[in-house]
Amino acid sequence: MPNNTPSAHASAVLAMPQGHPSAVMAFWFAGSRESGADVQIYSSQFDRSSQSWSPAVVVVNRWQKSGRLRHGLRRLGNPVAWIDRQQRIHLYVVATGWGGWAASRILHLRQVGNLGVEPDKAIEFQTQGLLPLSWLWNISHLVRNSPLLLQDGGMVLPAYFELGMKFPLALRFDAEGDYRGMVRISAQRDLLQPALLPRSPTDWLALMRDSGSDKRIRVAQTRDAGQHWEDRPNLLLRNPDAALATLALAPGQLLMAHNPRENSRAILDLSCSSDGLNWSQLDSIKQDPLGGEYSYPALAWADNSLWLTFTDQRQSIAWRRYAAPARQEKQSQ
């Protein structure tokens, strides 16, 4: 954490290319409190040679970005990162000019240069603008979870609408990072923060947080690579209206980090599945018997390891690294 910064939340973790000095980068928002005027987007890199995190640095300053947008930004939150075909990092950040989070817009920033240029230099991001998602000043669109990478080099960014009613969206971008369109994921209301989970190149699931009364993880499915979606029955897993994260390592090797209790974020679990519908606990990441908070997980795969970051008591960002089990060589007969 940066010095004299008591609050942090909503991390994202990004796997870096082979040959880069860092294995992963983490992004999060931090300041005196959530929605505070001093909140900025911070980043840290895990150095491959020293096996340690670099000091946290500001990568999105709301006052600087306000000037370039020519209108004020009141608060920042929920960074999401992606690397395009030219090896440039794109950041998508929730930003508000007035009102609460429900009046947010999605701010798009892109790395100046690319990851192959001056790798030891601090990464600088240039404002690309607000994503054009609504005729109503683009308001009430937010992001939270990592994008789903496409075979053509583009990606699908999960997002959600939150003004009056809540519903999930899939935003499509080409390999250069240009926005190409939007599809609604579910016809139901009270759903937000979708996490996309591919079971094949065309068969994907969206697992979603439910802000209604069901307190379960909601599910939608596409069988045509995101062109059309249909709602599926809820998972049996409980969820306390909290964010979750998913990752597909390979077909039949699916992971999810989530809060498994109905009314508490005091327990954070890592679960596995072969089909995305039936889940088994793999590890209990954190538990607080006094009712604290471990929430908003993020997952990535780098250096033959699973990387996990999450919010720890709303005070800092915690992390874990799970090394893949060593393969046993078959002995000759």
Protein backbone atom coordinates (compact mmCIF):
# COMPACT_ATOMS: atom_id res chain seq x y z
CA MET A 1 0.00 0.00 0.00
CA PRO A 2 1.10 3.61 -0.53
CA ASN A 3 1.97 5.52 2.64
CA ASN A 4 -0.82 7.16 4.66
CA THR A 5 -3.53 5.41 2.65
CA PRO A 6 -5.94 3.59 4.97
CA SER A 7 -8.43 2.18 2.47
CA ALA A 8 -8.21 -0.04 -0.64
CA HIS A 9 -10.61 -2.09 -2.71
CA ALA A 10 -11.40 -3.84 -6.02
CA SER A 11 -8.11 -5.17 -7.34
CA ALA A 12 -7.41 -6.57 -10.79
CA VAL A 13 -4.46 -8.81 -11.65
CA LEU A 14 -2.96 -8.99 -15.15
CA ALA A 15 -0.63 -11.71 -16.46
CA MET A 16 2.38 -10.21 -18.25
CA PRO A 17 4.00 -11.63 -21.40
CA GLN A 18 6.91 -14.03 -21.23
CA GLY A 19 10.17 -12.10 -21.29
CA HIS A 20 8.78 -9.11 -19.42
CA PRO A 21 10.58 -8.37 -16.11
CA SER A 22 7.30 -8.77 -14.22
CA ALA A 23 5.10 -11.86 -13.92
CA VAL A 24 1.90 -9.98 -13.11
CA MET A 25 0.64 -6.46 -12.48
CA ALA A 26 -1.99 -5.56 -9.91
CA PHE A 27 -4.30 -2.54 -10.11
CA TRP A 28 -6.69 -1.26 -7.42
CA PHE A 29 -8.22 1.93 -6.05
CA ALA A 30 -7.07 3.41 -2.75
CA GLY A 31 -7.41 6.54 -0.64
CA SER A 32 -8.84 7.73 2.65
CA ARG A 33 -12.10 5.83 2.03
CA GLU A 34 -14.19 4.42 -0.81
CA SER A 35 -15.58 7.30 -2.90
CA GLY A 36 -13.17 9.70 -1.19
CA ALA A 37 -11.94 12.73 -3.11
CA ASP A 38 -8.36 11.51 -2.81
CA VAL A 39 -8.94 8.04 -4.28
CA GLN A 40 -6.60 7.16 -7.16
CA ILE A 41 -5.88 4.03 -9.18
CA TYR A 42 -2.64 2.38 -8.03
CA SER A 43 -0.49 -0.35 -9.50
CA SER A 44 2.30 -2.69 -8.45
CA GLN A 45 4.34 -5.27 -10.39
CA PHE A 46 5.65 -8.63 -9.21
CA ASP A 47 9.27 -8.77 -10.35
CA ARG A 48 10.38 -12.14 -11.72
CA SER A 49 14.01 -11.78 -10.65
CA SER A 50 13.53 -10.54 -7.07
CA GLN A 51 10.22 -12.38 -6.53
CA SER A 52 8.77 -9.31 -4.82
CA TRP A 53 6.23 -6.56 -5.45
CA SER A 54 7.35 -3.10 -6.54
CA PRO A 55 6.26 -0.02 -4.54
CA ALA A 56 2.70 1.09 -5.34
CA VAL A 57 2.47 3.96 -7.82
CA VAL A 58 -0.43 6.09 -9.06
CA VAL A 59 -1.39 5.24 -12.65
CA VAL A 60 -4.71 7.15 -12.86
CA ASN A 61 -5.00 10.55 -11.18
CA ARG A 62 -8.56 11.84 -11.28
CA TRP A 63 -7.58 15.52 -11.45
CA GLN A 64 -5.32 14.97 -14.46
CA LYS A 65 -7.90 12.85 -16.26
CA SER A 66 -10.65 15.39 -15.51
CA GLY A 67 -8.68 18.05 -17.38
CA ARG A 68 -8.21 15.86 -20.43
CA LEU A 69 -11.91 14.90 -20.48
CA ARG A 70 -12.89 18.56 -19.99
CA HIS A 71 -15.32 17.72 -17.22
CA GLY A 72 -14.94 16.79 -13.55
CA LEU A 73 -14.45 13.32 -12.14
CA ARG A 74 -15.79 12.93 -8.63
CA ARG A 75 -14.62 9.38 -7.87
CA LEU A 76 -12.71 6.47 -9.38
CA GLY A 77 -13.01 2.72 -8.86
CA ASN A 78 -12.94 -0.85 -10.21
CA PRO A 79 -9.98 -0.94 -12.62
CA VAL A 80 -9.88 -3.74 -15.21
CA ALA A 81 -6.79 -4.39 -17.38
CA TRP A 82 -6.13 -6.05 -20.76
CA ILE A 83 -3.17 -6.35 -23.18
CA ASP A 84 -3.94 -5.85 -26.89
CA ARG A 85 -2.26 -7.30 -29.98
CA GLN A 86 0.34 -4.52 -30.00
CA GLN A 87 1.35 -5.36 -26.41
CA ARG A 88 -0.29 -2.24 -24.97
CA ILE A 89 -2.13 -2.34 -21.66
CA HIS A 90 -5.67 -0.96 -21.69
CA LEU A 91 -7.32 0.14 -18.46
CA TYR A 92 -11.07 0.40 -18.01
CA VAL A 93 -11.99 2.36 -14.86
CA VAL A 94 -15.32 3.21 -13.25
CA ALA A 95 -15.58 7.01 -12.98
CA THR A 96 -18.35 9.33 -11.80
CA GLY A 97 -18.89 13.02 -12.47
CA TRP A 98 -21.93 13.44 -10.25
CA GLY A 99 -24.15 11.20 -8.13
CA GLY A 100 -23.18 7.82 -6.73
CA TRP A 101 -21.81 4.67 -8.35
CA ALA A 102 -25.09 4.21 -10.26
CA ALA A 103 -24.22 7.35 -12.25
CA SER A 104 -20.83 5.98 -13.31
CA ARG A 105 -19.25 5.85 -16.75
CA ILE A 106 -16.45 3.63 -18.03
CA LEU A 107 -13.22 5.54 -18.61
CA HIS A 108 -10.90 3.96 -21.20
CA LEU A 109 -7.14 4.51 -20.93
CA ARG A 110 -4.31 3.04 -23.01
CA GLN A 111 -0.64 2.60 -22.32
CA VAL A 112 1.72 5.07 -23.96
CA GLY A 113 4.15 2.94 -25.96
CA ASN A 114 4.02 -0.78 -25.26
CA LEU A 115 5.41 -3.43 -22.94
CA GLY A 116 8.39 -4.05 -25.20
CA VAL A 117 9.68 -0.48 -24.90
CA GLU A 118 11.77 0.51 -21.87
CA PRO A 119 10.44 -2.24 -19.60
CA ASP A 120 11.92 -0.64 -16.46
CA LYS A 121 10.17 2.67 -17.06
CA ALA A 122 6.97 3.45 -15.14
CA ILE A 123 3.91 2.73 -17.30
CA GLU A 124 2.04 5.82 -18.42
CA PHE A 125 -1.61 5.76 -19.51
CA GLN A 126 -3.28 8.14 -21.95
CA THR A 127 -7.01 8.89 -21.82
CA GLN A 128 -8.94 7.45 -24.77
CA GLY A 129 -12.30 8.76 -23.56
CA LEU A 130 -15.54 7.40 -22.17
CA LEU A 131 -17.01 4.26 -23.72
CA PRO A 132 -20.04 5.24 -25.85
CA LEU A 133 -22.60 2.94 -24.26
CA SER A 134 -25.74 5.05 -23.77
CA TRP A 135 -27.51 8.05 -25.24
CA LEU A 136 -28.02 9.30 -21.65
CA TRP A 137 -24.49 10.75 -21.24
CA ASN A 138 -23.09 7.18 -21.07
CA ILE A 139 -24.02 7.00 -17.38
CA SER A 140 -24.65 3.97 -15.18
CA HIS A 141 -22.27 1.55 -16.86
CA LEU A 142 -19.60 -0.10 -14.71
CA VAL A 143 -16.93 -2.80 -14.96
CA ARG A 144 -15.46 -5.17 -12.44
CA ASN A 145 -14.18 -8.49 -13.86
CA SER A 146 -11.47 -9.49 -16.30
CA PRO A 147 -12.18 -9.72 -20.04
CA LEU A 148 -12.56 -12.94 -21.97
CA LEU A 149 -9.85 -13.20 -24.65
CA LEU A 150 -10.92 -14.10 -28.20
CA GLN A 151 -9.08 -16.13 -30.82
CA ASP A 152 -8.89 -13.13 -33.18
CA GLY A 153 -6.91 -11.13 -30.60
CA GLY A 154 -9.90 -9.12 -29.40
CA MET A 155 -11.79 -9.51 -26.18
CA VAL A 156 -15.19 -9.34 -24.49
CA LEU A 157 -15.35 -7.07 -21.44
CA PRO A 158 -18.06 -7.94 -18.88
CA ALA A 159 -19.93 -4.88 -17.65
CA TYR A 160 -23.24 -3.98 -16.02
CA PHE A 161 -25.93 -1.29 -15.85
CA GLU A 162 -27.04 -0.11 -12.41
CA LEU A 163 -29.44 2.87 -12.60
CA GLY A 164 -32.90 1.86 -11.33
CA MET A 165 -32.44 -1.75 -12.38
CA LYS A 166 -29.32 -3.86 -12.64
CA PHE A 167 -28.45 -6.09 -15.59
CA PRO A 168 -25.22 -7.54 -17.06
CA LEU A 169 -23.64 -6.70 -20.41
CA ALA A 170 -20.90 -8.00 -22.71
CA LEU A 171 -18.83 -5.34 -24.53
CA ARG A 172 -16.81 -6.50 -27.55
CA PHE A 173 -13.47 -5.00 -28.62
CA ASP A 174 -11.22 -5.78 -31.56
CA ALA A 175 -7.52 -6.68 -31.34
CA GLU A 176 -6.52 -2.99 -31.40
CA GLY A 177 -8.76 -2.18 -28.45
CA ASP A 178 -11.50 -0.41 -30.41
CA TYR A 179 -15.07 -0.81 -29.15
CA ARG A 180 -17.31 -2.83 -31.50
CA GLY A 181 -20.64 -3.37 -29.76
CA MET A 182 -22.68 -4.48 -26.77
CA VAL A 183 -25.01 -7.39 -25.96
CA ARG A 184 -27.20 -7.81 -22.90
CA ILE A 185 -26.35 -11.05 -21.08
CA SER A 186 -29.52 -11.67 -19.07
CA ALA A 187 -33.17 -10.67 -19.36
CA GLN A 188 -33.46 -10.68 -15.57
CA ARG A 189 -32.99 -7.75 -13.20
CA ASP A 190 -30.92 -7.40 -10.01
CA LEU A 191 -27.84 -8.99 -11.64
CA LEU A 192 -24.45 -7.33 -11.77
CA GLN A 193 -20.68 -7.86 -12.06
CA PRO A 194 -20.71 -10.81 -14.49
CA ALA A 195 -17.64 -13.07 -14.62
CA LEU A 196 -17.19 -14.80 -17.98
CA LEU A 197 -16.12 -18.44 -18.08
CA PRO A 198 -15.42 -20.14 -21.44
CA ARG A 199 -16.12 -23.88 -21.68
CA SER A 200 -15.18 -23.95 -25.39
CA PRO A 201 -14.47 -21.27 -28.02
CA THR A 202 -18.21 -20.73 -28.47
CA ASP A 203 -19.81 -22.04 -25.24
CA TRP A 204 -19.43 -19.54 -22.39
CA LEU A 205 -21.05 -19.04 -19.02
CA ALA A 206 -21.60 -15.77 -17.18
CA LEU A 207 -21.66 -16.16 -13.38
CA MET A 208 -23.22 -13.17 -11.68
CA ARG A 209 -23.72 -11.45 -8.37
CA ASP A 210 -27.39 -11.21 -7.34
CA SER A 211 -28.46 -8.00 -5.61
CA GLY A 212 -31.96 -9.38 -5.05
CA SER A 213 -33.27 -11.79 -2.44
CA ASP A 214 -32.10 -15.15 -3.84
CA LYS A 215 -28.52 -14.87 -2.47
CA ARG A 216 -27.19 -17.37 -4.99
CA ILE A 217 -24.83 -17.14 -7.93
CA ARG A 218 -26.85 -16.54 -11.08
CA VAL A 219 -25.99 -18.06 -14.47
CA ALA A 220 -26.44 -17.22 -18.14
CA GLN A 221 -25.07 -19.11 -21.14
CA THR A 222 -24.14 -18.41 -24.75
CA ARG A 223 -23.53 -21.13 -27.33
CA ASP A 224 -22.52 -18.81 -30.19
CA ALA A 225 -19.55 -16.90 -28.71
CA GLY A 226 -21.61 -14.16 -27.10
CA GLN A 227 -24.02 -13.27 -29.90
CA HIS A 228 -27.04 -14.51 -27.92
CA TRP A 229 -27.50 -15.38 -24.24
CA GLU A 230 -30.06 -17.34 -22.23
CA ASP A 231 -30.63 -17.59 -18.50
CA ARG A 232 -29.83 -20.84 -16.72
CA PRO A 233 -30.85 -22.10 -13.24
CA ASN A 234 -28.96 -20.59 -10.31
CA LEU A 235 -25.94 -22.37 -8.91
CA LEU A 236 -26.42 -24.14 -5.60
CA LEU A 237 -23.66 -21.97 -4.14
CA ARG A 238 -24.67 -19.16 -1.82
CA ASN A 239 -23.46 -15.59 -2.36
CA PRO A 240 -23.86 -12.53 -0.08
CA ASP A 241 -24.38 -10.02 -2.94
CA ALA A 242 -20.60 -9.95 -3.50
CA ALA A 243 -18.23 -10.00 -6.46
CA LEU A 244 -16.69 -13.26 -7.67
CA ALA A 245 -13.89 -14.10 -10.10
CA THR A 246 -13.52 -16.95 -12.60
CA LEU A 247 -10.70 -18.41 -14.70
CA ALA A 248 -10.58 -21.22 -17.27
CA LEU A 249 -7.20 -22.95 -17.27
CA ALA A 250 -8.27 -25.48 -19.92
CA PRO A 251 -11.48 -27.26 -20.97
CA GLY A 252 -12.80 -28.96 -17.86
CA GLN A 253 -10.41 -27.05 -15.57
CA LEU A 254 -12.41 -24.10 -14.27
CA LEU A 255 -11.77 -22.02 -11.15
CA MET A 256 -13.78 -19.55 -9.11
CA ALA A 257 -12.93 -17.36 -6.11
CA HIS A 258 -16.02 -16.34 -4.16
CA ASN A 259 -17.70 -15.67 -0.81
CA PRO A 260 -19.69 -18.86 -0.06
CA ARG A 261 -21.97 -17.63 2.74
CA GLU A 262 -25.33 -15.98 2.25
CA ASN A 263 -24.88 -13.03 4.60
CA SER A 264 -21.15 -12.58 5.12
CA ARG A 265 -17.96 -11.68 3.28
CA ALA A 266 -15.87 -13.04 6.14
CA ILE A 267 -15.02 -16.25 4.24
CA LEU A 268 -13.35 -16.38 0.82
CA ASP A 269 -13.09 -19.72 -0.99
CA LEU A 270 -11.40 -21.07 -4.10
CA SER A 271 -13.51 -23.66 -5.92
CA CYS A 272 -13.05 -25.85 -9.00
CA SER A 273 -15.39 -27.32 -11.60
CA SER A 274 -15.34 -29.34 -14.79
CA ASP A 275 -18.50 -27.82 -16.27
CA GLY A 276 -18.96 -24.44 -14.54
CA LEU A 277 -22.25 -25.56 -12.99
CA ASN A 278 -21.16 -27.99 -10.28
CA TRP A 279 -18.44 -26.75 -7.94
CA SER A 280 -16.23 -28.21 -5.19
CA GLN A 281 -14.14 -26.31 -2.66
CA LEU A 282 -10.45 -26.39 -3.49
CA ASP A 283 -9.16 -24.12 -0.71
CA SER A 284 -10.42 -21.85 2.05
CA ILE A 285 -8.47 -18.71 1.24
CA LYS A 286 -9.42 -16.60 4.26
CA GLN A 287 -11.77 -16.77 7.25
CA ASP A 288 -12.52 -14.19 9.91
CA PRO A 289 -14.59 -15.53 12.85
CA LEU A 290 -15.23 -11.94 13.99
CA GLY A 291 -16.99 -11.05 10.75
CA GLY A 292 -14.42 -9.04 8.81
CA GLU A 293 -14.27 -8.78 5.03
CA TYR A 294 -12.29 -10.63 2.36
CA SER A 295 -13.87 -9.77 -0.95
CA TYR A 296 -13.63 -8.76 -4.61
CA PRO A 297 -11.17 -11.45 -5.75
CA ALA A 298 -9.28 -11.44 -9.04
CA LEU A 299 -7.51 -14.37 -10.76
CA ALA A 300 -4.75 -14.75 -13.37
CA TRP A 301 -2.38 -17.47 -14.63
CA ALA A 302 1.32 -16.68 -15.07
CA ASP A 303 4.64 -18.50 -14.64
CA ASN A 304 2.88 -21.84 -14.21
CA SER A 305 1.04 -20.46 -11.17
CA LEU A 306 -2.39 -19.24 -10.18
CA TRP A 307 -2.33 -15.66 -8.88
CA LEU A 308 -5.07 -14.34 -6.64
CA THR A 309 -5.60 -10.83 -5.27
CA PHE A 310 -8.44 -9.68 -3.04
CA THR A 311 -9.59 -6.93 -0.68
CA ASP A 312 -8.45 -7.47 2.92
CA GLN A 313 -10.73 -5.72 5.45
CA ARG A 314 -11.11 -2.74 3.05
CA GLN A 315 -7.66 -1.67 4.26
CA SER A 316 -5.27 -3.29 1.79
CA ILE A 317 -4.95 -5.67 -1.14
CA ALA A 318 -3.80 -9.20 -0.27
CA TRP A 319 -2.43 -11.83 -2.65
CA ARG A 320 -1.68 -15.51 -2.94
CA ARG A 321 0.22 -17.60 -5.44
CA TYR A 322 -0.62 -21.26 -6.02
CA ALA A 323 2.13 -23.16 -7.84
CA ALA A 324 0.96 -25.86 -10.23
CA PRO A 325 1.76 -29.36 -8.97
CA ALA A 326 4.90 -30.84 -10.49
CA ARG A 327 4.22 -33.44 -13.16
CA GLN A 328 5.52 -36.90 -12.41
CA GLU A 329 7.47 -38.44 -15.26
CA LYS A 330 6.22 -41.85 -16.31
CA GLN A 331 8.79 -44.47 -15.41
CA SER A 332 9.90 -46.78 -18.16
CA GLN A 333 8.95 -50.41 -17.74
